[in-house]
C-alpha atoms as a PDB file:
ATOM      1  CA  UNK A   1      -7.496  13.409 -72.980  1.00  0.00           C
ATOM      2  CA  UNK A   2      -8.490  15.223 -69.815  1.00  0.00           C
ATOM      3  CA  UNK A   3      -6.072  14.789 -67.079  1.00  0.00           C
ATOM      4  CA  UNK A   4      -7.673  13.574 -63.875  1.00  0.00           C
ATOM      5  CA  UNK A   5      -6.324  14.504 -60.379  1.00  0.00           C
ATOM      6  CA  UNK A   6      -6.981  12.761 -57.289  1.00  0.00           C
ATOM      7  CA  UNK A   7      -6.698  14.469 -54.006  1.00  0.00           C
ATOM      8  CA  UNK A   8      -5.584  11.983 -51.397  1.00  0.00           C
ATOM      9  CA  UNK A   9      -6.457  12.918 -47.781  1.00  0.00           C
ATOM     10  CA  UNK A  10      -3.966  12.884 -44.998  1.00  0.00           C
ATOM     11  CA  UNK A  11      -3.103   9.266 -43.488  1.00  0.00           C
ATOM     12  CA  UNK A  12      -5.591   8.083 -40.753  1.00  0.00           C
ATOM     13  CA  UNK A  13      -4.319   7.360 -37.334  1.00  0.00           C
ATOM     14  CA  UNK A  14      -5.664   4.710 -34.881  1.00  0.00           C
ATOM     15  CA  UNK A  15      -6.432   5.809 -31.412  1.00  0.00           C
ATOM     16  CA  UNK A  16      -5.632   2.384 -30.081  1.00  0.00           C
ATOM     17  CA  UNK A  17      -5.601  -1.346 -31.064  1.00  0.00           C
ATOM     18  CA  UNK A  18      -7.216  -1.579 -34.506  1.00  0.00           C
ATOM     19  CA  UNK A  19      -8.166  -3.890 -37.333  1.00  0.00           C
ATOM     20  CA  UNK A  20      -6.267  -3.534 -40.491  1.00  0.00           C
ATOM     21  CA  UNK A  21      -6.982  -4.790 -44.045  1.00  0.00           C
ATOM     22  CA  UNK A  22      -3.646  -5.280 -46.065  1.00  0.00           C
ATOM     23  CA  UNK A  23      -3.993  -4.125 -49.725  1.00  0.00           C
ATOM     24  CA  UNK A  24      -1.519  -5.122 -52.362  1.00  0.00           C
ATOM     25  CA  UNK A  25      -1.735  -4.608 -56.139  1.00  0.00           C
ATOM     26  CA  UNK A  26      -4.392  -6.948 -57.642  1.00  0.00           C
ATOM     27  CA  UNK A  27      -6.219  -7.493 -54.285  1.00  0.00           C
ATOM     28  CA  UNK A  28      -9.778  -8.870 -54.592  1.00  0.00           C
ATOM     29  CA  UNK A  29     -12.050  -5.853 -54.026  1.00  0.00           C
ATOM     30  CA  UNK A  30     -14.994  -7.733 -52.537  1.00  0.00           C
ATOM     31  CA  UNK A  31     -12.866  -9.637 -50.176  1.00  0.00           C
ATOM     32  CA  UNK A  32     -11.025  -6.470 -48.850  1.00  0.00           C
ATOM     33  CA  UNK A  33     -13.993  -3.983 -48.773  1.00  0.00           C
ATOM     34  CA  UNK A  34     -16.652  -6.363 -47.492  1.00  0.00           C
ATOM     35  CA  UNK A  35     -14.974  -6.794 -44.105  1.00  0.00           C
ATOM     36  CA  UNK A  36     -14.290  -2.946 -43.985  1.00  0.00           C
ATOM     37  CA  UNK A  37     -17.941  -2.113 -44.673  1.00  0.00           C
ATOM     38  CA  UNK A  38     -19.221  -4.779 -42.072  1.00  0.00           C
ATOM     39  CA  UNK A  39     -16.831  -3.924 -39.370  1.00  0.00           C
ATOM     40  CA  UNK A  40     -17.217  -0.110 -39.733  1.00  0.00           C
ATOM     41  CA  UNK A  41     -20.974  -0.674 -39.560  1.00  0.00           C
ATOM     42  CA  UNK A  42     -20.331  -2.188 -36.185  1.00  0.00           C
ATOM     43  CA  UNK A  43     -18.623   0.829 -34.985  1.00  0.00           C
ATOM     44  CA  UNK A  44     -14.878  -0.721 -35.050  1.00  0.00           C
ATOM     45  CA  UNK A  45     -11.784   0.977 -35.612  1.00  0.00           C
ATOM     46  CA  UNK A  46     -10.959  -0.199 -38.962  1.00  0.00           C
ATOM     47  CA  UNK A  47      -8.198   0.901 -41.389  1.00  0.00           C
ATOM     48  CA  UNK A  48      -6.968  -0.061 -44.851  1.00  0.00           C
ATOM     49  CA  UNK A  49      -3.156  -0.118 -45.464  1.00  0.00           C
ATOM     50  CA  UNK A  50      -1.358  -0.045 -48.593  1.00  0.00           C
ATOM     51  CA  UNK A  51       1.348  -2.636 -48.648  1.00  0.00           C
ATOM     52  CA  UNK A  52       3.528  -0.035 -50.207  1.00  0.00           C
ATOM     53  CA  UNK A  53       4.193   3.803 -49.590  1.00  0.00           C
ATOM     54  CA  UNK A  54       1.684   4.370 -52.472  1.00  0.00           C
ATOM     55  CA  UNK A  55      -1.588   4.793 -50.946  1.00  0.00           C
ATOM     56  CA  UNK A  56      -3.471   4.506 -54.315  1.00  0.00           C
ATOM     57  CA  UNK A  57      -3.904   0.660 -55.048  1.00  0.00           C
ATOM     58  CA  UNK A  58      -5.366  -1.047 -57.797  1.00  0.00           C
ATOM     59  CA  UNK A  59      -7.672  -4.022 -57.221  1.00  0.00           C
ATOM     60  CA  UNK A  60      -8.074  -7.080 -59.433  1.00  0.00           C
ATOM     61  CA  UNK A  61     -10.977  -5.837 -61.449  1.00  0.00           C
ATOM     62  CA  UNK A  62      -9.453  -2.274 -61.892  1.00  0.00           C
ATOM     63  CA  UNK A  63     -10.910  -0.379 -59.074  1.00  0.00           C
ATOM     64  CA  UNK A  64      -8.672   2.210 -57.518  1.00  0.00           C
ATOM     65  CA  UNK A  65      -8.705   2.491 -53.798  1.00  0.00           C
ATOM     66  CA  UNK A  66      -7.057   5.014 -51.715  1.00  0.00           C
ATOM     67  CA  UNK A  67      -6.023   3.281 -48.519  1.00  0.00           C
ATOM     68  CA  UNK A  68      -6.050   4.930 -45.140  1.00  0.00           C
ATOM     69  CA  UNK A  69      -2.428   4.715 -44.725  1.00  0.00           C
ATOM     70  CA  UNK A  70       0.731   3.478 -46.686  1.00  0.00           C
ATOM     71  CA  UNK A  71       3.192   1.106 -45.114  1.00  0.00           C
ATOM     72  CA  UNK A  72       5.493   3.714 -43.643  1.00  0.00           C
ATOM     73  CA  UNK A  73       2.709   5.154 -41.519  1.00  0.00           C
ATOM     74  CA  UNK A  74       1.453   1.660 -40.408  1.00  0.00           C
ATOM     75  CA  UNK A  75       2.382   0.818 -36.656  1.00  0.00           C
ATOM     76  CA  UNK A  76       2.339  -2.992 -36.244  1.00  0.00           C
ATOM     77  CA  UNK A  77       2.102  -2.400 -32.465  1.00  0.00           C
ATOM     78  CA  UNK A  78      -1.358  -1.081 -32.813  1.00  0.00           C
ATOM     79  CA  UNK A  79      -2.730  -4.093 -34.879  1.00  0.00           C
ATOM     80  CA  UNK A  80      -5.252  -6.374 -33.234  1.00  0.00           C
ATOM     81  CA  UNK A  81      -6.330  -8.115 -36.393  1.00  0.00           C
ATOM     82  CA  UNK A  82      -4.594  -8.252 -39.814  1.00  0.00           C
ATOM     83  CA  UNK A  83      -7.034  -9.167 -42.659  1.00  0.00           C
ATOM     84  CA  UNK A  84      -5.725 -10.444 -46.149  1.00  0.00           C
ATOM     85  CA  UNK A  85      -7.877 -10.482 -49.035  1.00  0.00           C
ATOM     86  CA  UNK A  86      -6.947 -12.797 -52.056  1.00  0.00           C
ATOM     87  CA  UNK A  87      -5.573 -12.314 -55.212  1.00  0.00           C
ATOM     88  CA  UNK A  88      -4.229 -14.003 -58.407  1.00  0.00           C
ATOM     89  CA  UNK A  89      -0.984 -16.093 -57.717  1.00  0.00           C
ATOM     90  CA  UNK A  90       1.064 -13.542 -59.677  1.00  0.00           C
ATOM     91  CA  UNK A  91       0.012 -10.444 -57.839  1.00  0.00           C
ATOM     92  CA  UNK A  92       1.775  -8.432 -55.203  1.00  0.00           C
ATOM     93  CA  UNK A  93      -1.181  -8.849 -52.784  1.00  0.00           C
ATOM     94  CA  UNK A  94      -0.391 -12.476 -52.170  1.00  0.00           C
ATOM     95  CA  UNK A  95       3.496 -12.207 -52.697  1.00  0.00           C
ATOM     96  CA  UNK A  96       4.662 -10.547 -49.467  1.00  0.00           C
ATOM     97  CA  UNK A  97       8.192  -8.828 -49.763  1.00  0.00           C
ATOM     98  CA  UNK A  98      10.606  -9.363 -46.688  1.00  0.00           C
ATOM     99  CA  UNK A  99       9.425  -6.432 -44.675  1.00  0.00           C
ATOM    100  CA  UNK A 100       5.855  -7.475 -44.858  1.00  0.00           C
ATOM    101  CA  UNK A 101       6.758 -11.213 -44.079  1.00  0.00           C
ATOM    102  CA  UNK A 102       8.555  -9.976 -40.965  1.00  0.00           C
ATOM    103  CA  UNK A 103       5.633  -7.880 -39.891  1.00  0.00           C
ATOM    104  CA  UNK A 104       3.055 -10.664 -40.235  1.00  0.00           C
ATOM    105  CA  UNK A 105       5.502 -13.288 -38.594  1.00  0.00           C
ATOM    106  CA  UNK A 106       6.005 -10.910 -35.593  1.00  0.00           C
ATOM    107  CA  UNK A 107       2.371 -10.221 -35.387  1.00  0.00           C
ATOM    108  CA  UNK A 108       1.432 -13.711 -35.198  1.00  0.00           C
ATOM    109  CA  UNK A 109       4.299 -14.877 -32.937  1.00  0.00           C
ATOM    110  CA  UNK A 110       3.327 -12.049 -30.434  1.00  0.00           C
ATOM    111  CA  UNK A 111      -0.199 -13.395 -30.202  1.00  0.00           C
ATOM    112  CA  UNK A 112      -1.951 -11.234 -32.832  1.00  0.00           C
ATOM    113  CA  UNK A 113      -5.021 -12.381 -34.764  1.00  0.00           C
ATOM    114  CA  UNK A 114      -5.150 -12.924 -38.536  1.00  0.00           C
ATOM    115  CA  UNK A 115      -8.032 -13.293 -40.981  1.00  0.00           C
ATOM    116  CA  UNK A 116      -7.433 -14.472 -44.627  1.00  0.00           C
ATOM    117  CA  UNK A 117      -9.718 -15.358 -47.466  1.00  0.00           C
ATOM    118  CA  UNK A 118      -9.439 -17.048 -50.822  1.00  0.00           C
ATOM    119  CA  UNK A 119      -5.772 -17.385 -52.009  1.00  0.00           C
ATOM    120  CA  UNK A 120      -4.287 -15.569 -48.937  1.00  0.00           C
ATOM    121  CA  UNK A 121      -4.379 -18.494 -46.591  1.00  0.00           C
ATOM    122  CA  UNK A 122      -2.346 -20.615 -48.906  1.00  0.00           C
ATOM    123  CA  UNK A 123      -0.137 -17.885 -50.504  1.00  0.00           C
ATOM    124  CA  UNK A 124       0.234 -15.390 -47.742  1.00  0.00           C
ATOM    125  CA  UNK A 125      -0.004 -17.428 -44.682  1.00  0.00           C
ATOM    126  CA  UNK A 126       1.331 -20.862 -45.970  1.00  0.00           C
ATOM    127  CA  UNK A 127       4.841 -19.625 -46.573  1.00  0.00           C
ATOM    128  CA  UNK A 128       5.128 -18.198 -43.075  1.00  0.00           C
ATOM    129  CA  UNK A 129       4.269 -21.530 -41.349  1.00  0.00           C
ATOM    130  CA  UNK A 130       0.797 -20.135 -39.979  1.00  0.00           C
ATOM    131  CA  UNK A 131      -1.474 -22.895 -41.431  1.00  0.00           C
ATOM    132  CA  UNK A 132       0.998 -25.710 -40.885  1.00  0.00           C
ATOM    133  CA  UNK A 133      -1.095 -28.501 -39.050  1.00  0.00           C
ATOM    134  CA  UNK A 134      -3.993 -26.260 -38.757  1.00  0.00           C
ATOM    135  CA  UNK A 135      -7.556 -26.787 -39.837  1.00  0.00           C
ATOM    136  CA  UNK A 136      -8.395 -23.903 -42.235  1.00  0.00           C
ATOM    137  CA  UNK A 137      -9.845 -23.329 -45.611  1.00  0.00           C
ATOM    138  CA  UNK A 138      -9.203 -21.263 -48.665  1.00  0.00           C
ATOM    139  CA  UNK A 139      -9.804 -21.060 -52.437  1.00  0.00           C
ATOM    140  CA  UNK A 140     -10.750 -24.541 -53.487  1.00  0.00           C
ATOM    141  CA  UNK A 141      -8.394 -24.211 -56.769  1.00  0.00           C
ATOM    142  CA  UNK A 142      -5.404 -23.752 -54.469  1.00  0.00           C
ATOM    143  CA  UNK A 143      -5.939 -26.669 -52.233  1.00  0.00           C
ATOM    144  CA  UNK A 144      -2.782 -28.261 -53.400  1.00  0.00           C
ATOM    145  CA  UNK A 145      -0.676 -25.216 -52.569  1.00  0.00           C
ATOM    146  CA  UNK A 146      -2.555 -25.117 -49.118  1.00  0.00           C
ATOM    147  CA  UNK A 147      -1.853 -28.546 -48.314  1.00  0.00           C
ATOM    148  CA  UNK A 148       1.696 -28.412 -49.382  1.00  0.00           C
ATOM    149  CA  UNK A 149       2.219 -25.875 -46.728  1.00  0.00           C
ATOM    150  CA  UNK A 150       0.793 -28.357 -44.077  1.00  0.00           C
ATOM    151  CA  UNK A 151      -2.760 -27.000 -43.957  1.00  0.00           C
ATOM    152  CA  UNK A 152      -5.513 -29.165 -43.142  1.00  0.00           C
ATOM    153  CA  UNK A 153      -7.885 -28.211 -45.714  1.00  0.00           C
ATOM    154  CA  UNK A 154     -11.824 -27.804 -44.707  1.00  0.00           C
ATOM    155  CA  UNK A 155     -14.826 -27.805 -47.006  1.00  0.00           C
ATOM    156  CA  UNK A 156     -16.387 -25.227 -44.704  1.00  0.00           C
ATOM    157  CA  UNK A 157     -16.959 -21.663 -46.181  1.00  0.00           C
ATOM    158  CA  UNK A 158     -15.580 -20.170 -43.169  1.00  0.00           C
ATOM    159  CA  UNK A 159     -13.304 -21.654 -40.404  1.00  0.00           C
ATOM    160  CA  UNK A 160     -12.733 -19.996 -37.107  1.00  0.00           C
ATOM    161  CA  UNK A 161      -9.941 -20.766 -34.920  1.00  0.00           C
ATOM    162  CA  UNK A 162      -8.546 -19.266 -31.613  1.00  0.00           C
ATOM    163  CA  UNK A 163      -6.497 -16.649 -33.578  1.00  0.00           C
ATOM    164  CA  UNK A 164      -7.124 -17.473 -37.039  1.00  0.00           C
ATOM    165  CA  UNK A 165     -10.196 -17.017 -39.265  1.00  0.00           C
ATOM    166  CA  UNK A 166     -10.073 -18.244 -43.034  1.00  0.00           C
ATOM    167  CA  UNK A 167     -12.504 -18.432 -45.666  1.00  0.00           C
ATOM    168  CA  UNK A 168     -13.018 -19.633 -49.281  1.00  0.00           C
ATOM    169  CA  UNK A 169     -13.541 -16.745 -51.586  1.00  0.00           C
ATOM    170  CA  UNK A 170     -15.640 -13.881 -52.959  1.00  0.00           C
ATOM    171  CA  UNK A 171     -18.918 -15.733 -52.230  1.00  0.00           C
ATOM    172  CA  UNK A 172     -18.175 -16.202 -48.601  1.00  0.00           C
ATOM    173  CA  UNK A 173     -17.040 -12.692 -47.991  1.00  0.00           C
ATOM    174  CA  UNK A 174     -19.968 -11.548 -45.824  1.00  0.00           C
ATOM    175  CA  UNK A 175     -19.807 -14.609 -43.617  1.00  0.00           C
ATOM    176  CA  UNK A 176     -16.069 -14.152 -43.352  1.00  0.00           C
ATOM    177  CA  UNK A 177     -16.586 -10.597 -42.169  1.00  0.00           C
ATOM    178  CA  UNK A 178     -19.353 -11.415 -39.752  1.00  0.00           C
ATOM    179  CA  UNK A 179     -17.151 -14.257 -38.331  1.00  0.00           C
ATOM    180  CA  UNK A 180     -14.499 -11.657 -37.604  1.00  0.00           C
ATOM    181  CA  UNK A 181     -17.132  -9.386 -36.026  1.00  0.00           C
ATOM    182  CA  UNK A 182     -18.468 -12.205 -33.755  1.00  0.00           C
ATOM    183  CA  UNK A 183     -14.931 -13.219 -32.673  1.00  0.00           C
ATOM    184  CA  UNK A 184     -14.166  -9.508 -31.557  1.00  0.00           C
ATOM    185  CA  UNK A 185     -17.715  -8.274 -30.425  1.00  0.00           C
ATOM    186  CA  UNK A 186     -19.588 -11.335 -29.516  1.00  0.00           C
ATOM    187  CA  UNK A 187     -22.669 -13.121 -30.917  1.00  0.00           C
ATOM    188  CA  UNK A 188     -25.249 -10.588 -30.128  1.00  0.00           C
ATOM    189  CA  UNK A 189     -23.609  -7.795 -31.981  1.00  0.00           C
ATOM    190  CA  UNK A 190     -23.053 -10.112 -34.949  1.00  0.00           C
ATOM    191  CA  UNK A 191     -26.750 -11.086 -34.886  1.00  0.00           C
ATOM    192  CA  UNK A 192     -28.013  -7.506 -34.688  1.00  0.00           C
ATOM    193  CA  UNK A 193     -25.854  -6.423 -37.576  1.00  0.00           C
ATOM    194  CA  UNK A 194     -26.885  -9.618 -39.602  1.00  0.00           C
ATOM    195  CA  UNK A 195     -30.435  -8.556 -39.136  1.00  0.00           C
ATOM    196  CA  UNK A 196     -29.856  -4.975 -39.922  1.00  0.00           C
ATOM    197  CA  UNK A 197     -28.054  -5.827 -43.134  1.00  0.00           C
ATOM    198  CA  UNK A 198     -30.787  -8.395 -44.007  1.00  0.00           C
ATOM    199  CA  UNK A 199     -28.184 -11.237 -44.247  1.00  0.00           C
ATOM    200  CA  UNK A 200     -29.752 -14.799 -43.487  1.00  0.00           C
ATOM    201  CA  UNK A 201     -28.348 -17.180 -41.158  1.00  0.00           C
ATOM    202  CA  UNK A 202     -26.258 -19.963 -42.683  1.00  0.00           C
ATOM    203  CA  UNK A 203     -26.098 -23.731 -41.695  1.00  0.00           C
ATOM    204  CA  UNK A 204     -22.414 -24.757 -41.897  1.00  0.00           C
ATOM    205  CA  UNK A 205     -19.872 -26.900 -40.223  1.00  0.00           C
ATOM    206  CA  UNK A 206     -19.076 -26.775 -36.531  1.00  0.00           C
ATOM    207  CA  UNK A 207     -15.893 -24.647 -37.086  1.00  0.00           C
ATOM    208  CA  UNK A 208     -17.620 -22.083 -39.178  1.00  0.00           C
ATOM    209  CA  UNK A 209     -18.769 -18.664 -38.105  1.00  0.00           C
ATOM    210  CA  UNK A 210     -22.128 -19.725 -36.956  1.00  0.00           C
ATOM    211  CA  UNK A 211     -20.528 -22.027 -34.142  1.00  0.00           C
ATOM    212  CA  UNK A 212     -19.536 -20.679 -30.760  1.00  0.00           C
END
């Protein structure tokens, strides 16, 4: 069998406050890379972060992704938004170690913004108390886990709060990404990118990405 070598480029470095997608083993590729694509199209400073020191991360369907940086190179003080894709319950992507729990808790406590989709609202944010008493959404089959952590489950595909955006799953990824864009850059930029990507408007609840 031929050995394949992968040349991994140097870690990226943000020039200021940035948006980070956190990648752990088993992450859902669509939910992670959809927001990366959308926000970079909008010209935003956007980085992927491996949740370990190994920048080569394997996704849920076997895709290997080279993260822009490993956890040792990640500077929490530069984070404007942290984005968490979903994963199976057993995967590292939704089972944070103590170091990551502290990073996310401090980010939230200090006024940082978080976006989470699919299993991440229940399994990443739930144990940290971030969804306690909050109207949000996530993967329907994890609704029990979601509500055990105090979350107020919404049937809307995307729910936008003041500092928290949540979404249901792979099929709502583009609306999730556009909701983040709208929150950061405003409705006009979101509208322009939606038109450029030929994404139709969506009729949904008052707390979803289409609402002001």
